[in-house]
Amino acid sequence: MDVSRNDMLSELASDAGLERTDFVVQATEQLGKFLDRNRDRISQLGGLTLIDEDPDYLSVAPDCTFRVRSRYEDADTGEWVSDTEIVETASELIELYNPVEIYAAFSEAAREAAGFAAEPTATGELLAASGIAPEETIGLGDDAGYVGAAEQWAAGRAPMLEADDEESAALALYNLALDFQDRSQQVEAGLIDQFEDAAARVTEQLGDLIIVDDEDERLVLGANGRFRAEVLPEGGDGKWRQLTSPDDIVEFYDPTDVFGDLADTLAEAFPAIAPELDDDELDDEDEAEDDADENAVDGTDGAENAEPKVGDEAEGGERP
């Protein structure tokens, strides 16, 4: 082979390597500045799911660390395995994702979370591919379009209630309570989802953890880091209901109780990990247990007899 050709290839490879390093440095610096500017917003939002397209998954946590989940085939068993990795720095993320994809994912996730429609373009073919008719776009000088956007923005804010009499005040407050019930469940489901992403890194070593095992309910944290449960709802004709998603879990369980009960389960299984309680704390714990026993005698203990922790719209929760 011609030596000069090898020299050219070597110089080309070297130059490309330098450009790649320079690109990663600049992209990392730019992404770092973006995260610093939006750190408070991301924290207040409780994080965002940026990409969720099986098998690819990317989310940003409230502390601006990232969760990356991928799926691959195990060469030894031939089974598909899901693996979740915590990415703590911008430079690590740049190695995994193109910066353009990262910013696009942030943009789309934020718009979707706010309830906004996909961002329109001026290209007819792209409009058609997106299912958007030309008359649905906003032209220059089209005040109606901007009014609609303003209304959409206002929909994400706390509504201003108005009432003329006692009944209309009660109706407005009733609908407001149902709206915030929905929002609360979405936030709680997000907490469960974030916990599962983080827990998946270690739960494989512990196997399935049984958190609750009663006659009418069973709650487990699986070795894959996912919660699953089965409950016997009242009025369900004796049929067990399977709960496999965060949305299902928060319909019947309060995340505070789930995390607390999990901590208790781990402390019982591994006594060395739990802090030792002083005498006063032990007395308080004994009193709480006595109160729980009294409630059990009165029939008020347990997971609300496996009822949803919030009012079911099917049982009087429909909006007039």
Protein backbone atom coordinates (compact mmCIF):
# COMPACT_ATOMS: atom_id res chain seq x y z
CA MET A 1 0.00 0.00 0.00
CA ASP A 2 1.24 3.46 -0.82
CA VAL A 3 2.88 5.13 2.22
CA SER A 4 1.56 8.56 1.32
CA ARG A 5 -1.96 7.18 1.37
CA ASN A 6 -1.42 5.82 4.87
CA ASP A 7 -0.09 9.19 5.94
CA MET A 8 -3.18 10.93 4.60
CA LEU A 9 -5.49 8.47 6.33
CA SER A 10 -3.58 8.93 9.60
CA GLU A 11 -3.82 12.71 9.39
CA LEU A 12 -7.50 12.48 8.52
CA ALA A 13 -8.19 10.25 11.53
CA SER A 14 -6.19 12.52 13.81
CA ASP A 15 -7.96 15.65 12.60
CA ALA A 16 -11.35 13.99 12.97
CA GLY A 17 -10.45 12.93 16.51
CA LEU A 18 -9.48 16.48 17.43
CA GLU A 19 -12.70 17.89 15.95
CA ARG A 20 -14.75 15.32 17.83
CA THR A 21 -13.06 16.22 21.12
CA ASP A 22 -13.59 19.93 20.45
CA PHE A 23 -17.24 19.32 19.56
CA VAL A 24 -17.86 17.32 22.75
CA VAL A 25 -16.24 20.04 24.87
CA GLN A 26 -18.32 22.81 23.27
CA ALA A 27 -21.54 20.78 23.32
CA THR A 28 -20.98 19.86 26.96
CA GLU A 29 -20.42 23.51 27.89
CA GLN A 30 -23.57 24.58 26.03
CA LEU A 31 -25.72 21.83 27.60
CA GLY A 32 -24.29 22.65 31.03
CA LYS A 33 -25.33 26.30 30.64
CA PHE A 34 -28.81 25.23 29.49
CA LEU A 35 -29.24 23.00 32.56
CA ASP A 36 -27.95 25.71 34.91
CA ARG A 37 -30.43 28.25 33.51
CA ASN A 38 -33.34 25.84 33.88
CA ARG A 39 -32.30 23.99 37.06
CA ASP A 40 -34.96 25.65 39.24
CA ARG A 41 -37.69 25.06 36.65
CA ILE A 42 -36.81 21.37 36.28
CA SER A 43 -36.75 20.98 40.06
CA GLN A 44 -40.15 22.62 40.51
CA LEU A 45 -41.63 20.48 37.73
CA GLY A 46 -40.37 17.33 39.44
CA GLY A 47 -38.36 16.31 36.39
CA LEU A 48 -39.52 15.38 32.88
CA THR A 49 -39.70 12.28 30.74
CA LEU A 50 -37.87 13.33 27.59
CA ILE A 51 -37.92 10.17 25.46
CA ASP A 52 -40.13 7.14 25.99
CA GLU A 53 -40.01 5.06 22.84
CA ASP A 54 -39.41 1.38 23.53
CA PRO A 55 -36.64 0.43 24.02
CA ASP A 56 -35.19 3.95 24.27
CA TYR A 57 -35.93 5.95 27.43
CA LEU A 58 -34.50 9.22 28.76
CA SER A 59 -35.71 11.32 31.68
CA VAL A 60 -34.32 14.20 33.70
CA ALA A 61 -34.71 14.10 37.48
CA PRO A 62 -35.40 17.14 39.69
CA ASP A 63 -31.68 17.33 40.52
CA CYS A 64 -30.83 17.54 36.79
CA THR A 65 -29.36 14.06 36.61
CA PHE A 66 -30.59 11.82 33.82
CA ARG A 67 -32.02 8.32 33.70
CA VAL A 68 -31.21 6.32 30.59
CA ARG A 69 -32.88 2.97 30.05
CA SER A 70 -31.97 0.65 27.21
CA ARG A 71 -32.88 -2.89 26.27
CA TYR A 72 -30.47 -5.47 24.92
CA GLU A 73 -30.35 -9.19 24.28
CA ASP A 74 -28.31 -11.20 26.77
CA ALA A 75 -25.79 -13.23 24.81
CA ASP A 76 -25.82 -16.06 27.38
CA THR A 77 -29.56 -16.49 27.97
CA GLY A 78 -30.94 -15.03 24.75
CA GLU A 79 -33.45 -13.00 26.82
CA TRP A 80 -34.06 -9.29 26.47
CA VAL A 81 -32.80 -7.35 29.47
CA SER A 82 -33.66 -3.77 30.48
CA ASP A 83 -30.93 -1.73 32.08
CA THR A 84 -31.29 1.69 33.73
CA GLU A 85 -28.27 3.94 34.13
CA ILE A 86 -27.94 7.22 36.00
CA VAL A 87 -26.09 9.86 33.98
CA GLU A 88 -24.84 12.60 36.27
CA THR A 89 -22.94 14.92 33.92
CA ALA A 90 -23.63 16.70 30.66
CA SER A 91 -20.48 15.24 29.10
CA GLU A 92 -21.73 11.68 29.70
CA LEU A 93 -25.08 12.49 28.12
CA ILE A 94 -23.41 14.05 25.08
CA GLU A 95 -21.60 10.75 24.53
CA LEU A 96 -24.95 8.95 24.39
CA TYR A 97 -27.22 11.43 22.59
CA ASN A 98 -26.82 14.00 19.86
CA PRO A 99 -27.30 17.48 21.42
CA VAL A 100 -29.94 18.27 18.79
CA GLU A 101 -31.97 15.27 19.99
CA ILE A 102 -31.59 16.36 23.62
CA TYR A 103 -32.87 19.90 23.03
CA ALA A 104 -35.68 18.63 20.78
CA ALA A 105 -36.69 16.16 23.50
CA PHE A 106 -36.76 18.94 26.11
CA SER A 107 -38.87 21.12 23.81
CA GLU A 108 -41.38 18.40 22.96
CA ALA A 109 -41.63 17.15 26.55
CA ALA A 110 -42.25 20.65 27.90
CA ARG A 111 -44.90 21.39 25.29
CA GLU A 112 -46.61 18.08 25.88
CA ALA A 113 -46.57 18.53 29.66
CA ALA A 114 -48.10 22.00 29.22
CA GLY A 115 -50.80 20.61 26.94
CA PHE A 116 -49.60 22.54 23.91
CA ALA A 117 -49.94 21.17 20.40
CA ALA A 118 -46.88 20.20 18.38
CA GLU A 119 -44.97 23.22 17.10
CA PRO A 120 -46.18 24.05 13.57
CA THR A 121 -43.86 24.55 10.60
CA ALA A 122 -44.18 26.41 7.34
CA THR A 123 -43.52 23.35 5.16
CA GLY A 124 -46.62 21.96 3.51
CA GLU A 125 -45.34 18.38 3.38
CA LEU A 126 -44.51 18.40 7.08
CA LEU A 127 -47.90 19.86 7.90
CA ALA A 128 -49.60 17.08 5.99
CA ALA A 129 -47.43 14.43 7.63
CA SER A 130 -48.36 15.85 11.03
CA GLY A 131 -52.05 15.84 10.20
CA ILE A 132 -52.32 19.64 10.46
CA ALA A 133 -54.53 21.43 7.97
CA PRO A 134 -53.27 24.80 6.62
CA GLU A 135 -56.29 26.56 8.11
CA GLU A 136 -55.21 25.36 11.55
CA THR A 137 -51.93 27.29 11.41
CA ILE A 138 -51.46 30.82 12.68
CA GLY A 139 -50.66 33.43 10.05
CA LEU A 140 -48.98 36.76 10.57
CA GLY A 141 -51.48 39.31 11.82
CA ASP A 142 -53.91 36.60 12.89
CA ASP A 143 -55.03 37.89 16.29
CA ALA A 144 -57.35 34.92 16.85
CA GLY A 145 -54.38 32.54 16.80
CA TYR A 146 -52.59 34.49 19.48
CA VAL A 147 -55.75 34.66 21.56
CA GLY A 148 -55.99 30.86 21.37
CA ALA A 149 -52.38 30.48 22.45
CA ALA A 150 -53.00 32.82 25.38
CA GLU A 151 -56.05 30.82 26.42
CA GLN A 152 -54.01 27.64 26.23
CA TRP A 153 -51.34 29.17 28.46
CA ALA A 154 -53.95 30.35 30.95
CA ALA A 155 -55.43 26.84 31.12
CA GLY A 156 -52.28 25.65 32.88
CA ARG A 157 -52.67 28.23 35.65
CA ALA A 158 -54.94 28.11 38.69
CA PRO A 159 -58.44 29.14 37.51
CA MET A 160 -60.19 32.26 38.81
CA LEU A 161 -63.42 31.01 40.33
CA GLU A 162 -66.62 33.02 40.08
CA ALA A 163 -70.02 32.43 41.68
CA ASP A 164 -73.31 34.28 41.95
CA ASP A 165 -74.88 32.28 44.76
CA GLU A 166 -74.27 29.46 47.22
CA GLU A 167 -75.07 26.67 44.75
CA SER A 168 -72.85 28.02 41.96
CA ALA A 169 -70.05 28.51 44.50
CA ALA A 170 -70.38 24.89 45.59
CA LEU A 171 -70.38 23.72 41.95
CA ALA A 172 -67.26 25.76 41.11
CA LEU A 173 -65.44 24.43 44.17
CA TYR A 174 -66.56 20.87 43.37
CA ASN A 175 -65.15 21.00 39.84
CA LEU A 176 -61.97 22.66 41.11
CA ALA A 177 -61.49 19.81 43.61
CA LEU A 178 -61.86 17.23 40.84
CA ASP A 179 -59.39 19.12 38.63
CA PHE A 180 -56.79 19.20 41.37
CA GLN A 181 -57.49 15.58 42.23
CA ASP A 182 -56.44 14.70 38.67
CA ARG A 183 -53.35 16.89 38.92
CA SER A 184 -52.41 15.37 42.28
CA GLN A 185 -52.60 11.84 40.89
CA GLN A 186 -50.40 12.83 37.94
CA VAL A 187 -47.76 14.27 40.29
CA GLU A 188 -47.89 11.21 42.55
CA ALA A 189 -47.57 8.86 39.59
CA GLY A 190 -44.51 10.85 38.52
CA LEU A 191 -42.93 10.27 41.95
CA ILE A 192 -43.54 6.53 41.68
CA ASP A 193 -42.04 6.50 38.18
CA GLN A 194 -38.94 8.43 39.27
CA PHE A 195 -38.45 6.11 42.25
CA GLU A 196 -38.70 3.05 40.02
CA ASP A 197 -36.09 4.43 37.62
CA ALA A 198 -33.65 4.98 40.49
CA ALA A 199 -34.47 1.73 42.33
CA ALA A 200 -33.95 -0.45 39.25
CA ARG A 201 -30.17 -0.14 39.69
CA VAL A 202 -30.15 -2.11 42.96
CA THR A 203 -33.35 -4.12 43.29
CA GLU A 204 -32.01 -6.97 41.17
CA GLN A 205 -29.67 -7.85 44.04
CA LEU A 206 -32.57 -8.03 46.51
CA GLY A 207 -35.18 -9.82 44.46
CA ASP A 208 -38.92 -9.26 44.98
CA LEU A 209 -39.75 -7.35 48.18
CA ILE A 210 -43.21 -7.99 49.64
CA ILE A 211 -44.36 -4.70 51.17
CA VAL A 212 -47.98 -5.55 52.00
CA ASP A 213 -49.56 -9.00 52.08
CA ASP A 214 -53.13 -8.92 53.41
CA GLU A 215 -56.34 -10.74 52.62
CA ASP A 216 -57.55 -7.99 50.29
CA GLU A 217 -54.29 -6.53 48.96
CA ARG A 218 -50.73 -7.40 48.06
CA LEU A 219 -48.04 -4.85 47.17
CA VAL A 220 -44.62 -5.86 45.87
CA LEU A 221 -41.49 -4.08 44.65
CA GLY A 222 -40.19 -6.39 41.94
CA ALA A 223 -36.59 -7.28 41.24
CA ASN A 224 -36.90 -5.11 38.12
CA GLY A 225 -37.52 -2.02 40.28
CA ARG A 226 -41.22 -1.79 39.38
CA PHE A 227 -44.11 -1.77 41.83
CA ARG A 228 -46.96 -4.17 41.24
CA ALA A 229 -50.03 -4.87 43.32
CA GLU A 230 -53.30 -6.71 43.36
CA VAL A 231 -56.29 -5.51 45.33
CA LEU A 232 -59.82 -6.66 45.99
CA PRO A 233 -61.92 -3.52 45.48
CA GLU A 234 -65.26 -3.13 47.24
CA GLY A 235 -68.13 -3.67 44.85
CA GLY A 236 -65.87 -5.57 42.47
CA ASP A 237 -67.82 -8.85 42.65
CA GLY A 238 -64.88 -10.53 44.35
CA LYS A 239 -62.59 -9.98 41.34
CA TRP A 240 -58.97 -9.06 41.99
CA ARG A 241 -57.61 -6.04 40.16
CA GLN A 242 -54.00 -6.01 38.97
CA LEU A 243 -52.06 -2.76 39.40
CA THR A 244 -48.97 -2.58 37.20
CA SER A 245 -48.43 1.10 36.32
CA PRO A 246 -47.71 4.16 38.49
CA ASP A 247 -51.14 5.55 37.55
CA ASP A 248 -52.79 2.35 38.82
CA ILE A 249 -50.73 2.33 42.03
CA VAL A 250 -51.59 5.90 43.08
CA GLU A 251 -55.28 5.23 42.53
CA PHE A 252 -55.19 2.93 45.57
CA TYR A 253 -52.04 3.92 47.47
CA ASP A 254 -50.52 7.14 48.77
CA PRO A 255 -46.84 7.33 47.69
CA THR A 256 -45.90 8.49 51.20
CA ASP A 257 -47.30 5.25 52.64
CA VAL A 258 -45.72 3.15 49.89
CA PHE A 259 -42.23 4.54 50.48
CA GLY A 260 -42.62 4.42 54.27
CA ASP A 261 -43.86 0.82 54.23
CA LEU A 262 -41.01 -0.15 51.90
CA ALA A 263 -38.48 1.40 54.30
CA ASP A 264 -40.06 -0.54 57.18
CA THR A 265 -39.91 -3.77 55.17
CA LEU A 266 -36.22 -3.25 54.44
CA ALA A 267 -35.47 -2.34 58.06
CA GLU A 268 -37.14 -5.57 59.23
CA ALA A 269 -35.24 -7.68 56.71
CA PHE A 270 -31.91 -5.91 57.31
CA PRO A 271 -31.90 -4.57 60.91
CA ALA A 272 -28.37 -3.23 60.58
CA ILE A 273 -29.45 -0.57 58.04
CA ALA A 274 -32.03 1.10 60.30
CA PRO A 275 -30.99 3.77 62.83
CA GLU A 276 -31.38 2.86 66.48
CA LEU A 277 -34.30 4.63 68.21
CA ASP A 278 -33.94 6.25 71.61
CA ASP A 279 -36.40 5.56 74.45
CA ASP A 280 -38.72 8.48 73.62
CA GLU A 281 -38.99 7.44 69.98
CA LEU A 282 -39.68 3.85 71.02
CA ASP A 283 -42.49 5.05 73.34
CA ASP A 284 -44.02 7.10 70.51
CA GLU A 285 -43.80 4.10 68.18
CA ASP A 286 -45.52 1.86 70.77
CA GLU A 287 -48.33 4.41 71.17
CA ALA A 288 -48.80 4.57 67.41
CA GLU A 289 -48.99 0.78 67.24
CA ASP A 290 -51.57 0.75 70.06
CA ASP A 291 -53.67 3.33 68.16
CA ALA A 292 -53.41 1.21 65.02
CA ASP A 293 -54.59 -1.85 66.94
CA GLU A 294 -57.59 0.09 68.28
CA ASN A 295 -58.46 1.23 64.77
CA ALA A 296 -58.21 -2.35 63.58
CA VAL A 297 -60.75 -3.38 66.23
CA ASP A 298 -63.05 -0.60 65.04
CA GLY A 299 -62.63 -1.78 61.44
CA THR A 300 -60.85 1.37 60.26
CA ASP A 301 -57.39 -0.07 59.61
CA GLY A 302 -55.87 -1.38 56.40
CA ALA A 303 -55.74 0.04 52.89
CA GLU A 304 -59.25 1.46 53.10
CA ASN A 305 -60.54 -2.03 52.36
CA ALA A 306 -58.72 -1.80 49.05
CA GLU A 307 -60.83 1.16 47.98
CA PRO A 308 -59.26 3.90 45.89
CA LYS A 309 -57.67 6.49 48.18
CA VAL A 310 -59.66 9.21 46.42
CA GLY A 311 -63.31 9.39 45.45
CA ASP A 312 -64.20 7.35 42.39
CA GLU A 313 -65.90 9.43 39.73
CA ALA A 314 -67.95 6.36 38.90
CA GLU A 315 -69.45 6.60 42.41
CA GLY A 316 -70.74 10.14 42.45
CA GLY A 317 -67.59 11.88 41.26
CA GLU A 318 -68.89 12.84 37.83
CA ARG A 319 -68.97 16.47 36.98
CA PRO A 320 -72.40 17.98 36.44
